[in-house]
Amino acid sequence: MNGRQGKDKGGRPKGDPAAVRDITIGVRVNAAEREALNRKARHMGMSPSQWLRTAALLRKLPPTPAPKANREAYGELTRLAVSINQLARAANEGRAVVSPSLLLGVRKEIIQLQRALLGEEP
């Protein structure tokens, strides 16, 4: 009988199988890009793989481009906002019948809609 039966084998304990990184994604870079990557990784005290993974998974990317229909609607809303702004100015100068607070509220809503169409956060 083996004297090690029933005893701990020793060595490194097994980790969470779901956390094991066993898939490789290849990324081609040129020599200058590789050196820049290595320099950034060294600066952060990371391996190039760790740095790439962190940069790719944690960095906030720019918003996706707005669809053409949204950009066209944005243009129409901009023209409308200019007209409302002119009405608001006239109301502030006492030349209009429309309430200035109503016009300013509508203008604020138009600006929020413009930002939403472009995918910007309020």
PDB file of N, CA and C in Angstrom:
ATOM      1  N   MET A   1       0.829  -1.166   0.000  1.00  0.00           N
ATOM      2  CA  MET A   1       0.000   0.000   0.000  1.00  0.00           C
ATOM      3  C   MET A   1       0.884   1.244   0.000  1.00  0.00           C
ATOM      4  N   ASN A   2       0.469   2.245  -0.722  1.00  0.00           N
ATOM      5  CA  ASN A   2       1.224   3.481  -0.798  1.00  0.00           C
ATOM      6  C   ASN A   2       1.064   4.259   0.493  1.00  0.00           C
ATOM      7  N   GLY A   3       2.140   4.765   1.045  1.00  0.00           N
ATOM      8  CA  GLY A   3       2.109   5.489   2.298  1.00  0.00           C
ATOM      9  C   GLY A   3       1.443   6.847   2.176  1.00  0.00           C
ATOM     10  N   ARG A   4       1.184   7.305   0.937  1.00  0.00           N
ATOM     11  CA  ARG A   4       0.589   8.627   0.749  1.00  0.00           C
ATOM     12  C   ARG A   4      -0.922   8.546   0.613  1.00  0.00           C
ATOM     13  N   GLN A   5      -1.480   7.397   0.641  1.00  0.00           N
ATOM     14  CA  GLN A   5      -2.920   7.253   0.483  1.00  0.00           C
ATOM     15  C   GLN A   5      -3.662   8.007   1.572  1.00  0.00           C
ATOM     16  N   GLY A   6      -4.675   8.781   1.157  1.00  0.00           N
ATOM     17  CA  GLY A   6      -5.484   9.491   2.119  1.00  0.00           C
ATOM     18  C   GLY A   6      -4.850  10.782   2.596  1.00  0.00           C
ATOM     19  N   LYS A   7      -3.646  11.069   2.150  1.00  0.00           N
ATOM     20  CA  LYS A   7      -2.976  12.294   2.571  1.00  0.00           C
ATOM     21  C   LYS A   7      -3.086  13.339   1.469  1.00  0.00           C
ATOM     22  N   ASP A   8      -2.930  14.580   1.868  1.00  0.00           N
ATOM     23  CA  ASP A   8      -2.930  15.696   0.916  1.00  0.00           C
ATOM     24  C   ASP A   8      -1.720  15.546   0.008  1.00  0.00           C
ATOM     25  N   LYS A   9      -1.919  15.724  -1.282  1.00  0.00           N
ATOM     26  CA  LYS A   9      -0.835  15.587  -2.243  1.00  0.00           C
ATOM     27  C   LYS A   9       0.133  16.759  -2.163  1.00  0.00           C
ATOM     28  N   GLY A  10      -0.284  17.839  -1.538  1.00  0.00           N
ATOM     29  CA  GLY A  10       0.581  19.013  -1.471  1.00  0.00           C
ATOM     30  C   GLY A  10       0.512  19.807  -2.762  1.00  0.00           C
ATOM     31  N   GLY A  11       1.392  20.764  -2.889  1.00  0.00           N
ATOM     32  CA  GLY A  11       1.401  21.570  -4.097  1.00  0.00           C
ATOM     33  C   GLY A  11       0.351  22.672  -4.056  1.00  0.00           C
ATOM     34  N   ARG A  12       0.206  23.299  -5.170  1.00  0.00           N
ATOM     35  CA  ARG A  12      -0.715  24.430  -5.279  1.00  0.00           C
ATOM     36  C   ARG A  12      -2.156  23.937  -5.308  1.00  0.00           C
ATOM     37  N   PRO A  13      -3.049  24.540  -4.483  1.00  0.00           N
ATOM     38  CA  PRO A  13      -4.454  24.114  -4.514  1.00  0.00           C
ATOM     39  C   PRO A  13      -5.119  24.547  -5.823  1.00  0.00           C
ATOM     40  N   LYS A  14      -6.066  23.759  -6.245  1.00  0.00           N
ATOM     41  CA  LYS A  14      -6.776  24.076  -7.479  1.00  0.00           C
ATOM     42  C   LYS A  14      -7.651  25.297  -7.249  1.00  0.00           C
ATOM     43  N   GLY A  15      -7.668  26.159  -8.254  1.00  0.00           N
ATOM     44  CA  GLY A  15      -8.478  27.370  -8.185  1.00  0.00           C
ATOM     45  C   GLY A  15      -9.860  27.129  -8.770  1.00  0.00           C
ATOM     46  N   ASP A  16     -10.610  28.187  -8.860  1.00  0.00           N
ATOM     47  CA  ASP A  16     -11.955  28.141  -9.434  1.00  0.00           C
ATOM     48  C   ASP A  16     -11.833  27.839 -10.928  1.00  0.00           C
ATOM     49  N   PRO A  17     -12.417  26.737 -11.390  1.00  0.00           N
ATOM     50  CA  PRO A  17     -12.312  26.387 -12.818  1.00  0.00           C
ATOM     51  C   PRO A  17     -12.870  27.479 -13.736  1.00  0.00           C
ATOM     52  N   ALA A  18     -13.867  28.241 -13.257  1.00  0.00           N
ATOM     53  CA  ALA A  18     -14.441  29.295 -14.084  1.00  0.00           C
ATOM     54  C   ALA A  18     -13.476  30.463 -14.264  1.00  0.00           C
ATOM     55  N   ALA A  19     -12.508  30.605 -13.390  1.00  0.00           N
ATOM     56  CA  ALA A  19     -11.560  31.713 -13.460  1.00  0.00           C
ATOM     57  C   ALA A  19     -10.323  31.371 -14.281  1.00  0.00           C
ATOM     58  N   VAL A  20     -10.189  30.115 -14.700  1.00  0.00           N
ATOM     59  CA  VAL A  20      -9.018  29.695 -15.461  1.00  0.00           C
ATOM     60  C   VAL A  20      -9.089  30.318 -16.857  1.00  0.00           C
ATOM     61  N   ARG A  21      -8.000  30.939 -17.255  1.00  0.00           N
ATOM     62  CA  ARG A  21      -7.927  31.556 -18.580  1.00  0.00           C
ATOM     63  C   ARG A  21      -7.269  30.554 -19.521  1.00  0.00           C
ATOM     64  N   ASP A  22      -8.091  29.902 -20.316  1.00  0.00           N
ATOM     65  CA  ASP A  22      -7.560  28.883 -21.209  1.00  0.00           C
ATOM     66  C   ASP A  22      -7.839  29.181 -22.678  1.00  0.00           C
ATOM     67  N   ILE A  23      -8.342  30.375 -22.968  1.00  0.00           N
ATOM     68  CA  ILE A  23      -8.633  30.761 -24.352  1.00  0.00           C
ATOM     69  C   ILE A  23      -7.675  31.879 -24.735  1.00  0.00           C
ATOM     70  N   THR A  24      -7.085  31.766 -25.902  1.00  0.00           N
ATOM     71  CA  THR A  24      -6.138  32.755 -26.389  1.00  0.00           C
ATOM     72  C   THR A  24      -6.758  33.532 -27.538  1.00  0.00           C
ATOM     73  N   ILE A  25      -6.572  34.853 -27.502  1.00  0.00           N
ATOM     74  CA  ILE A  25      -6.999  35.713 -28.606  1.00  0.00           C
ATOM     75  C   ILE A  25      -5.729  36.329 -29.187  1.00  0.00           C
ATOM     76  N   GLY A  26      -5.486  36.090 -30.450  1.00  0.00           N
ATOM     77  CA  GLY A  26      -4.281  36.618 -31.086  1.00  0.00           C
ATOM     78  C   GLY A  26      -4.492  38.051 -31.561  1.00  0.00           C
ATOM     79  N   VAL A  27      -3.520  38.892 -31.289  1.00  0.00           N
ATOM     80  CA  VAL A  27      -3.557  40.276 -31.751  1.00  0.00           C
ATOM     81  C   VAL A  27      -2.229  40.552 -32.442  1.00  0.00           C
ATOM     82  N   ARG A  28      -2.286  40.996 -33.682  1.00  0.00           N
ATOM     83  CA  ARG A  28      -1.052  41.301 -34.412  1.00  0.00           C
ATOM     84  C   ARG A  28      -0.681  42.758 -34.170  1.00  0.00           C
ATOM     85  N   VAL A  29       0.591  42.977 -33.892  1.00  0.00           N
ATOM     86  CA  VAL A  29       1.118  44.322 -33.699  1.00  0.00           C
ATOM     87  C   VAL A  29       2.438  44.432 -34.442  1.00  0.00           C
ATOM     88  N   ASN A  30       2.839  45.673 -34.737  1.00  0.00           N
ATOM     89  CA  ASN A  30       4.164  45.860 -35.333  1.00  0.00           C
ATOM     90  C   ASN A  30       5.171  46.072 -34.215  1.00  0.00           C
ATOM     91  N   ALA A  31       6.431  46.235 -34.568  1.00  0.00           N
ATOM     92  CA  ALA A  31       7.489  46.335 -33.557  1.00  0.00           C
ATOM     93  C   ALA A  31       7.288  47.546 -32.646  1.00  0.00           C
ATOM     94  N   ALA A  32       6.914  48.679 -33.219  1.00  0.00           N
ATOM     95  CA  ALA A  32       6.719  49.894 -32.410  1.00  0.00           C
ATOM     96  C   ALA A  32       5.542  49.717 -31.450  1.00  0.00           C
ATOM     97  N   GLU A  33       4.473  49.097 -31.927  1.00  0.00           N
ATOM     98  CA  GLU A  33       3.312  48.869 -31.063  1.00  0.00           C
ATOM     99  C   GLU A  33       3.656  47.901 -29.934  1.00  0.00           C
ATOM    100  N   ARG A  34       4.431  46.881 -30.268  1.00  0.00           N
ATOM    101  CA  ARG A  34       4.823  45.918 -29.228  1.00  0.00           C
ATOM    102  C   ARG A  34       5.673  46.601 -28.158  1.00  0.00           C
ATOM    103  N   GLU A  35       6.597  47.439 -28.577  1.00  0.00           N
ATOM    104  CA  GLU A  35       7.439  48.141 -27.607  1.00  0.00           C
ATOM    105  C   GLU A  35       6.595  49.081 -26.745  1.00  0.00           C
ATOM    106  N   ALA A  36       5.641  49.785 -27.358  1.00  0.00           N
ATOM    107  CA  ALA A  36       4.761  50.675 -26.588  1.00  0.00           C
ATOM    108  C   ALA A  36       3.937  49.873 -25.590  1.00  0.00           C
ATOM    109  N   LEU A  37       3.426  48.733 -26.020  1.00  0.00           N
ATOM    110  CA  LEU A  37       2.653  47.863 -25.137  1.00  0.00           C
ATOM    111  C   LEU A  37       3.512  47.374 -23.975  1.00  0.00           C
ATOM    112  N   ASN A  38       4.715  46.900 -24.289  1.00  0.00           N
ATOM    113  CA  ASN A  38       5.623  46.426 -23.231  1.00  0.00           C
ATOM    114  C   ASN A  38       5.964  47.542 -22.255  1.00  0.00           C
ATOM    115  N   ARG A  39       6.210  48.754 -22.773  1.00  0.00           N
ATOM    116  CA  ARG A  39       6.556  49.897 -21.920  1.00  0.00           C
ATOM    117  C   ARG A  39       5.388  50.241 -20.976  1.00  0.00           C
ATOM    118  N   LYS A  40       4.184  50.273 -21.525  1.00  0.00           N
ATOM    119  CA  LYS A  40       3.002  50.576 -20.692  1.00  0.00           C
ATOM    120  C   LYS A  40       2.775  49.492 -19.647  1.00  0.00           C
ATOM    121  N   ALA A  41       2.959  48.246 -20.029  1.00  0.00           N
ATOM    122  CA  ALA A  41       2.778  47.138 -19.087  1.00  0.00           C
ATOM    123  C   ALA A  41       3.813  47.216 -17.967  1.00  0.00           C
ATOM    124  N   ARG A  42       5.087  47.457 -18.331  1.00  0.00           N
ATOM    125  CA  ARG A  42       6.140  47.585 -17.311  1.00  0.00           C
ATOM    126  C   ARG A  42       5.836  48.740 -16.358  1.00  0.00           C
ATOM    127  N   HIS A  43       5.397  49.853 -16.918  1.00  0.00           N
ATOM    128  CA  HIS A  43       5.079  51.029 -16.094  1.00  0.00           C
ATOM    129  C   HIS A  43       4.010  50.703 -15.053  1.00  0.00           C
ATOM    130  N   MET A  44       3.077  49.853 -15.404  1.00  0.00           N
ATOM    131  CA  MET A  44       2.003  49.473 -14.485  1.00  0.00           C
ATOM    132  C   MET A  44       2.350  48.242 -13.656  1.00  0.00           C
ATOM    133  N   GLY A  45       3.534  47.681 -13.864  1.00  0.00           N
ATOM    134  CA  GLY A  45       3.919  46.490 -13.124  1.00  0.00           C
ATOM    135  C   GLY A  45       3.131  45.263 -13.544  1.00  0.00           C
ATOM    136  N   MET A  46       2.787  45.201 -14.809  1.00  0.00           N
ATOM    137  CA  MET A  46       1.972  44.092 -15.324  1.00  0.00           C
ATOM    138  C   MET A  46       2.689  43.422 -16.485  1.00  0.00           C
ATOM    139  N   SER A  47       2.228  42.236 -16.784  1.00  0.00           N
ATOM    140  CA  SER A  47       2.691  41.600 -18.009  1.00  0.00           C
ATOM    141  C   SER A  47       1.909  42.242 -19.163  1.00  0.00           C
ATOM    142  N   PRO A  48       2.428  42.134 -20.389  1.00  0.00           N
ATOM    143  CA  PRO A  48       1.669  42.676 -21.521  1.00  0.00           C
ATOM    144  C   PRO A  48       0.260  42.071 -21.623  1.00  0.00           C
ATOM    145  N   SER A  49       0.135  40.795 -21.323  1.00  0.00           N
ATOM    146  CA  SER A  49      -1.185  40.152 -21.363  1.00  0.00           C
ATOM    147  C   SER A  49      -2.126  40.756 -20.327  1.00  0.00           C
ATOM    148  N   GLN A  50      -1.622  40.949 -19.107  1.00  0.00           N
ATOM    149  CA  GLN A  50      -2.450  41.551 -18.059  1.00  0.00           C
ATOM    150  C   GLN A  50      -2.867  42.961 -18.458  1.00  0.00           C
ATOM    151  N   TRP A  51      -1.929  43.726 -18.998  1.00  0.00           N
ATOM    152  CA  TRP A  51      -2.225  45.109 -19.359  1.00  0.00           C
ATOM    153  C   TRP A  51      -3.272  45.163 -20.457  1.00  0.00           C
ATOM    154  N   LEU A  52      -3.117  44.339 -21.498  1.00  0.00           N
ATOM    155  CA  LEU A  52      -4.100  44.308 -22.590  1.00  0.00           C
ATOM    156  C   LEU A  52      -5.486  43.913 -22.081  1.00  0.00           C
ATOM    157  N   ARG A  53      -5.526  42.884 -21.232  1.00  0.00           N
ATOM    158  CA  ARG A  53      -6.806  42.409 -20.704  1.00  0.00           C
ATOM    159  C   ARG A  53      -7.475  43.518 -19.891  1.00  0.00           C
ATOM    160  N   THR A  54      -6.704  44.170 -19.023  1.00  0.00           N
ATOM    161  CA  THR A  54      -7.248  45.237 -18.190  1.00  0.00           C
ATOM    162  C   THR A  54      -7.724  46.403 -19.048  1.00  0.00           C
ATOM    163  N   ALA A  55      -6.899  46.811 -20.002  1.00  0.00           N
ATOM    164  CA  ALA A  55      -7.265  47.939 -20.859  1.00  0.00           C
ATOM    165  C   ALA A  55      -8.513  47.632 -21.672  1.00  0.00           C
ATOM    166  N   ALA A  56      -8.605  46.414 -22.184  1.00  0.00           N
ATOM    167  CA  ALA A  56      -9.746  46.059 -23.027  1.00  0.00           C
ATOM    168  C   ALA A  56     -11.037  45.895 -22.233  1.00  0.00           C
ATOM    169  N   LEU A  57     -10.938  45.353 -21.036  1.00  0.00           N
ATOM    170  CA  LEU A  57     -12.156  45.038 -20.289  1.00  0.00           C
ATOM    171  C   LEU A  57     -12.622  46.155 -19.369  1.00  0.00           C
ATOM    172  N   LEU A  58     -11.739  47.024 -18.944  1.00  0.00           N
ATOM    173  CA  LEU A  58     -12.121  48.038 -17.963  1.00  0.00           C
ATOM    174  C   LEU A  58     -12.207  49.447 -18.534  1.00  0.00           C
ATOM    175  N   ARG A  59     -11.626  49.681 -19.671  1.00  0.00           N
ATOM    176  CA  ARG A  59     -11.610  51.031 -20.239  1.00  0.00           C
ATOM    177  C   ARG A  59     -12.954  51.365 -20.869  1.00  0.00           C
ATOM    178  N   LYS A  60     -13.427  52.575 -20.602  1.00  0.00           N
ATOM    179  CA  LYS A  60     -14.684  53.034 -21.195  1.00  0.00           C
ATOM    180  C   LYS A  60     -14.408  53.473 -22.632  1.00  0.00           C
ATOM    181  N   LEU A  61     -15.144  52.917 -23.557  1.00  0.00           N
ATOM    182  CA  LEU A  61     -14.974  53.241 -24.959  1.00  0.00           C
ATOM    183  C   LEU A  61     -15.854  54.422 -25.346  1.00  0.00           C
ATOM    184  N   PRO A  62     -15.515  55.108 -26.417  1.00  0.00           N
ATOM    185  CA  PRO A  62     -16.390  56.187 -26.880  1.00  0.00           C
ATOM    186  C   PRO A  62     -17.729  55.615 -27.323  1.00  0.00           C
ATOM    187  N   PRO A  63     -18.780  56.415 -27.281  1.00  0.00           N
ATOM    188  CA  PRO A  63     -20.092  55.901 -27.697  1.00  0.00           C
ATOM    189  C   PRO A  63     -20.077  55.516 -29.173  1.00  0.00           C
ATOM    190  N   THR A  64     -20.941  54.583 -29.511  1.00  0.00           N
ATOM    191  CA  THR A  64     -21.057  54.182 -30.910  1.00  0.00           C
ATOM    192  C   THR A  64     -21.622  55.351 -31.710  1.00  0.00           C
ATOM    193  N   PRO A  65     -21.263  55.450 -32.989  1.00  0.00           N
ATOM    194  CA  PRO A  65     -21.782  56.547 -33.806  1.00  0.00           C
ATOM    195  C   PRO A  65     -23.312  56.496 -33.879  1.00  0.00           C
ATOM    196  N   ALA A  66     -23.914  57.670 -33.876  1.00  0.00           N
ATOM    197  CA  ALA A  66     -25.374  57.756 -33.957  1.00  0.00           C
ATOM    198  C   ALA A  66     -25.822  57.347 -35.357  1.00  0.00           C
ATOM    199  N   PRO A  67     -26.936  56.632 -35.452  1.00  0.00           N
ATOM    200  CA  PRO A  67     -27.462  56.250 -36.772  1.00  0.00           C
ATOM    201  C   PRO A  67     -27.814  57.490 -37.607  1.00  0.00           C
ATOM    202  N   LYS A  68     -27.820  57.324 -38.919  1.00  0.00           N
ATOM    203  CA  LYS A  68     -28.109  58.434 -39.831  1.00  0.00           C
ATOM    204  C   LYS A  68     -29.456  59.079 -39.508  1.00  0.00           C
ATOM    205  N   ALA A  69     -30.462  58.263 -39.211  1.00  0.00           N
ATOM    206  CA  ALA A  69     -31.793  58.811 -38.889  1.00  0.00           C
ATOM    207  C   ALA A  69     -31.716  59.709 -37.664  1.00  0.00           C
ATOM    208  N   ASN A  70     -30.917  59.328 -36.681  1.00  0.00           N
ATOM    209  CA  ASN A  70     -30.773  60.154 -35.476  1.00  0.00           C
ATOM    210  C   ASN A  70     -30.072  61.469 -35.799  1.00  0.00           C
ATOM    211  N   ARG A  71     -29.047  61.397 -36.658  1.00  0.00           N
ATOM    212  CA  ARG A  71     -28.330  62.629 -37.022  1.00  0.00           C
ATOM    213  C   ARG A  71     -29.250  63.573 -37.785  1.00  0.00           C
ATOM    214  N   GLU A  72     -30.094  63.027 -38.655  1.00  0.00           N
ATOM    215  CA  GLU A  72     -31.044  63.866 -39.399  1.00  0.00           C
ATOM    216  C   GLU A  72     -32.060  64.486 -38.444  1.00  0.00           C
ATOM    217  N   ALA A  73     -32.571  63.688 -37.502  1.00  0.00           N
ATOM    218  CA  ALA A  73     -33.526  64.212 -36.513  1.00  0.00           C
ATOM    219  C   ALA A  73     -32.846  65.265 -35.643  1.00  0.00           C
ATOM    220  N   TYR A  74     -31.583  65.048 -35.348  1.00  0.00           N
ATOM    221  CA  TYR A  74     -30.820  66.017 -34.552  1.00  0.00           C
ATOM    222  C   TYR A  74     -30.758  67.354 -35.291  1.00  0.00           C
ATOM    223  N   GLY A  75     -30.529  67.319 -36.593  1.00  0.00           N
ATOM    224  CA  GLY A  75     -30.485  68.545 -37.402  1.00  0.00           C
ATOM    225  C   GLY A  75     -31.820  69.276 -37.377  1.00  0.00           C
ATOM    226  N   GLU A  76     -32.908  68.527 -37.523  1.00  0.00           N
ATOM    227  CA  GLU A  76     -34.238  69.145 -37.466  1.00  0.00           C
ATOM    228  C   GLU A  76     -34.504  69.750 -36.093  1.00  0.00           C
ATOM    229  N   LEU A  77     -34.127  69.022 -35.059  1.00  0.00           N
ATOM    230  CA  LEU A  77     -34.309  69.544 -33.701  1.00  0.00           C
ATOM    231  C   LEU A  77     -33.466  70.795 -33.466  1.00  0.00           C
ATOM    232  N   THR A  78     -32.292  70.836 -34.066  1.00  0.00           N
ATOM    233  CA  THR A  78     -31.444  72.018 -33.917  1.00  0.00           C
ATOM    234  C   THR A  78     -32.118  73.231 -34.544  1.00  0.00           C
ATOM    235  N   ARG A  79     -32.683  73.066 -35.739  1.00  0.00           N
ATOM    236  CA  ARG A  79     -33.392  74.172 -36.383  1.00  0.00           C
ATOM    237  C   ARG A  79     -34.583  74.605 -35.529  1.00  0.00           C
ATOM    238  N   LEU A  80     -35.305  73.630 -34.971  1.00  0.00           N
ATOM    239  CA  LEU A  80     -36.445  73.944 -34.108  1.00  0.00           C
ATOM    240  C   LEU A  80     -35.980  74.680 -32.853  1.00  0.00           C
ATOM    241  N   ALA A  81     -34.878  74.234 -32.284  1.00  0.00           N
ATOM    242  CA  ALA A  81     -34.357  74.865 -31.072  1.00  0.00           C
ATOM    243  C   ALA A  81     -33.957  76.313 -31.342  1.00  0.00           C
ATOM    244  N   VAL A  82     -33.391  76.578 -32.520  1.00  0.00           N
ATOM    245  CA  VAL A  82     -33.021  77.952 -32.872  1.00  0.00           C
ATOM    246  C   VAL A  82     -34.268  78.824 -32.938  1.00  0.00           C
ATOM    247  N   SER A  83     -35.326  78.309 -33.564  1.00  0.00           N
ATOM    248  CA  SER A  83     -36.571  79.079 -33.654  1.00  0.00           C
ATOM    249  C   SER A  83     -37.159  79.345 -32.272  1.00  0.00           C
ATOM    250  N   ILE A  84     -37.143  78.340 -31.434  1.00  0.00           N
ATOM    251  CA  ILE A  84     -37.683  78.514 -30.080  1.00  0.00           C
ATOM    252  C   ILE A  84     -36.829  79.496 -29.288  1.00  0.00           C
ATOM    253  N   ASN A  85     -35.521  79.442 -29.497  1.00  0.00           N
ATOM    254  CA  ASN A  85     -34.636  80.382 -28.823  1.00  0.00           C
ATOM    255  C   ASN A  85     -34.963  81.821 -29.242  1.00  0.00           C
ATOM    256  N   GLN A  86     -35.254  82.029 -30.517  1.00  0.00           N
ATOM    257  CA  GLN A  86     -35.643  83.364 -30.995  1.00  0.00           C
ATOM    258  C   GLN A  86     -36.951  83.804 -30.351  1.00  0.00           C
ATOM    259  N   LEU A  87     -37.910  82.862 -30.222  1.00  0.00           N
ATOM    260  CA  LEU A  87     -39.179  83.185 -29.561  1.00  0.00           C
ATOM    261  C   LEU A  87     -38.949  83.520 -28.084  1.00  0.00           C
ATOM    262  N   ALA A  88     -38.045  82.761 -27.443  1.00  0.00           N
ATOM    263  CA  ALA A  88     -37.755  83.017 -26.032  1.00  0.00           C
ATOM    264  C   ALA A  88     -37.128  84.403 -25.861  1.00  0.00           C
ATOM    265  N   ARG A  89     -36.244  84.760 -26.754  1.00  0.00           N
ATOM    266  CA  ARG A  89     -35.634  86.088 -26.683  1.00  0.00           C
ATOM    267  C   ARG A  89     -36.700  87.172 -26.839  1.00  0.00           C
ATOM    268  N   ALA A  90     -37.598  86.981 -27.808  1.00  0.00           N
ATOM    269  CA  ALA A  90     -38.675  87.949 -28.011  1.00  0.00           C
ATOM    270  C   ALA A  90     -39.559  88.039 -26.768  1.00  0.00           C
ATOM    271  N   ALA A  91     -39.842  86.888 -26.156  1.00  0.00           N
ATOM    272  CA  ALA A  91     -40.682  86.882 -24.948  1.00  0.00           C
ATOM    273  C   ALA A  91     -39.972  87.602 -23.806  1.00  0.00           C
ATOM    274  N   ASN A  92     -38.672  87.391 -23.676  1.00  0.00           N
ATOM    275  CA  ASN A  92     -37.906  88.057 -22.621  1.00  0.00           C
ATOM    276  C   ASN A  92     -37.856  89.569 -22.830  1.00  0.00           C
ATOM    277  N   GLU A  93     -37.962  89.988 -24.074  1.00  0.00           N
ATOM    278  CA  GLU A  93     -37.952  91.422 -24.387  1.00  0.00           C
ATOM    279  C   GLU A  93     -39.358  92.005 -24.371  1.00  0.00           C
ATOM    280  N   GLY A  94     -40.368  91.191 -24.045  1.00  0.00           N
ATOM    281  CA  GLY A  94     -41.749  91.666 -23.980  1.00  0.00           C
ATOM    282  C   GLY A  94     -42.427  91.767 -25.329  1.00  0.00           C
ATOM    283  N   ARG A  95     -41.901  91.125 -26.356  1.00  0.00           N
ATOM    284  CA  ARG A  95     -42.484  91.197 -27.695  1.00  0.00           C
ATOM    285  C   ARG A  95     -43.287  89.952 -28.061  1.00  0.00           C
ATOM    286  N   ALA A  96     -43.469  89.019 -27.158  1.00  0.00           N
ATOM    287  CA  ALA A  96     -44.166  87.778 -27.510  1.00  0.00           C
ATOM    288  C   ALA A  96     -45.309  87.522 -26.537  1.00  0.00           C
ATOM    289  N   VAL A  97     -46.248  86.695 -26.968  1.00  0.00           N
ATOM    290  CA  VAL A  97     -47.400  86.349 -26.155  1.00  0.00           C
ATOM    291  C   VAL A  97     -47.143  85.069 -25.359  1.00  0.00           C
ATOM    292  N   VAL A  98     -46.181  84.269 -25.811  1.00  0.00           N
ATOM    293  CA  VAL A  98     -45.893  82.980 -25.188  1.00  0.00           C
ATOM    294  C   VAL A  98     -45.096  83.199 -23.903  1.00  0.00           C
ATOM    295  N   SER A  99     -45.384  82.391 -22.893  1.00  0.00           N
ATOM    296  CA  SER A  99     -44.691  82.478 -21.605  1.00  0.00           C
ATOM    297  C   SER A  99     -43.213  82.113 -21.764  1.00  0.00           C
ATOM    298  N   PRO A 100     -42.303  82.950 -21.261  1.00  0.00           N
ATOM    299  CA  PRO A 100     -40.872  82.624 -21.347  1.00  0.00           C
ATOM    300  C   PRO A 100     -40.527  81.313 -20.637  1.00  0.00           C
ATOM    301  N   SER A 101     -41.163  81.035 -19.511  1.00  0.00           N
ATOM    302  CA  SER A 101     -40.843  79.798 -18.795  1.00  0.00           C
ATOM    303  C   SER A 101     -41.272  78.575 -19.600  1.00  0.00           C
ATOM    304  N   LEU A 102     -42.379  78.684 -20.318  1.00  0.00           N
ATOM    305  CA  LEU A 102     -42.828  77.579 -21.176  1.00  0.00           C
ATOM    306  C   LEU A 102     -41.807  77.342 -22.285  1.00  0.00           C
ATOM    307  N   LEU A 103     -41.349  78.410 -22.919  1.00  0.00           N
ATOM    308  CA  LEU A 103     -40.374  78.272 -24.002  1.00  0.00           C
ATOM    309  C   LEU A 103     -39.061  77.703 -23.494  1.00  0.00           C
ATOM    310  N   LEU A 104     -38.607  78.149 -22.345  1.00  0.00           N
ATOM    311  CA  LEU A 104     -37.350  77.635 -21.799  1.00  0.00           C
ATOM    312  C   LEU A 104     -37.476  76.157 -21.421  1.00  0.00           C
ATOM    313  N   GLY A 105     -38.641  75.757 -20.923  1.00  0.00           N
ATOM    314  CA  GLY A 105     -38.869  74.346 -20.606  1.00  0.00           C
ATOM    315  C   GLY A 105     -38.835  73.480 -21.852  1.00  0.00           C
ATOM    316  N   VAL A 106     -39.455  73.968 -22.928  1.00  0.00           N
ATOM    317  CA  VAL A 106     -39.451  73.229 -24.196  1.00  0.00           C
ATOM    318  C   VAL A 106     -38.023  73.155 -24.743  1.00  0.00           C
ATOM    319  N   ARG A 107     -37.287  74.259 -24.654  1.00  0.00           N
ATOM    320  CA  ARG A 107     -35.899  74.277 -25.124  1.00  0.00           C
ATOM    321  C   ARG A 107     -35.062  73.249 -24.365  1.00  0.00           C
ATOM    322  N   LYS A 108     -35.254  73.155 -23.056  1.00  0.00           N
ATOM    323  CA  LYS A 108     -34.508  72.192 -22.242  1.00  0.00           C
ATOM    324  C   LYS A 108     -34.822  70.759 -22.692  1.00  0.00           C
ATOM    325  N   GLU A 109     -36.086  70.486 -22.965  1.00  0.00           N
ATOM    326  CA  GLU A 109     -36.468  69.150 -23.428  1.00  0.00           C
ATOM    327  C   GLU A 109     -35.860  68.827 -24.783  1.00  0.00           C
ATOM    328  N   ILE A 110     -35.783  69.812 -25.661  1.00  0.00           N
ATOM    329  CA  ILE A 110     -35.188  69.598 -26.979  1.00  0.00           C
ATOM    330  C   ILE A 110     -33.705  69.248 -26.833  1.00  0.00           C
ATOM    331  N   ILE A 111     -33.012  69.956 -25.961  1.00  0.00           N
ATOM    332  CA  ILE A 111     -31.593  69.679 -25.751  1.00  0.00           C
ATOM    333  C   ILE A 111     -31.404  68.267 -25.211  1.00  0.00           C
ATOM    334  N   GLN A 112     -32.255  67.845 -24.285  1.00  0.00           N
ATOM    335  CA  GLN A 112     -32.153  66.483 -23.748  1.00  0.00           C
ATOM    336  C   GLN A 112     -32.396  65.453 -24.848  1.00  0.00           C
ATOM    337  N   LEU A 113     -33.371  65.732 -25.728  1.00  0.00           N
ATOM    338  CA  LEU A 113     -33.670  64.819 -26.827  1.00  0.00           C
ATOM    339  C   LEU A 113     -32.499  64.770 -27.814  1.00  0.00           C
ATOM    340  N   GLN A 114     -31.882  65.912 -28.081  1.00  0.00           N
ATOM    341  CA  GLN A 114     -30.720  65.935 -28.968  1.00  0.00           C
ATOM    342  C   GLN A 114     -29.608  65.039 -28.413  1.00  0.00           C
ATOM    343  N   ARG A 115     -29.342  65.166 -27.137  1.00  0.00           N
ATOM    344  CA  ARG A 115     -28.280  64.366 -26.517  1.00  0.00           C
ATOM    345  C   ARG A 115     -28.615  62.881 -26.553  1.00  0.00           C
ATOM    346  N   ALA A 116     -29.882  62.563 -26.319  1.00  0.00           N
ATOM    347  CA  ALA A 116     -30.303  61.152 -26.361  1.00  0.00           C
ATOM    348  C   ALA A 116     -30.128  60.584 -27.760  1.00  0.00           C
ATOM    349  N   LEU A 117     -30.449  61.377 -28.780  1.00  0.00           N
ATOM    350  CA  LEU A 117     -30.304  60.912 -30.166  1.00  0.00           C
ATOM    351  C   LEU A 117     -28.846  60.639 -30.523  1.00  0.00           C
ATOM    352  N   LEU A 118     -27.938  61.373 -29.910  1.00  0.00           N
ATOM    353  CA  LEU A 118     -26.515  61.179 -30.187  1.00  0.00           C
ATOM    354  C   LEU A 118     -25.900  60.122 -29.277  1.00  0.00           C
ATOM    355  N   GLY A 119     -26.696  59.580 -28.356  1.00  0.00           N
ATOM    356  CA  GLY A 119     -26.186  58.555 -27.457  1.00  0.00           C
ATOM    357  C   GLY A 119     -25.380  59.104 -26.303  1.00  0.00           C
ATOM    358  N   GLU A 120     -25.494  60.409 -26.062  1.00  0.00           N
ATOM    359  CA  GLU A 120     -24.781  61.015 -24.949  1.00  0.00           C
ATOM    360  C   GLU A 120     -25.591  60.844 -23.676  1.00  0.00           C
ATOM    361  N   GLU A 121     -24.887  60.827 -22.574  1.00  0.00           N
ATOM    362  CA  GLU A 121     -25.580  60.710 -21.281  1.00  0.00           C
ATOM    363  C   GLU A 121     -26.130  62.063 -20.886  1.00  0.00           C
ATOM    364  N   PRO A 122     -27.271  62.072 -20.204  1.00  0.00           N
ATOM    365  CA  PRO A 122     -27.885  63.359 -19.804  1.00  0.00           C
ATOM    366  C   PRO A 122     -27.050  64.131 -18.822  1.00  0.00           C
TER     367      PRO A 122
END
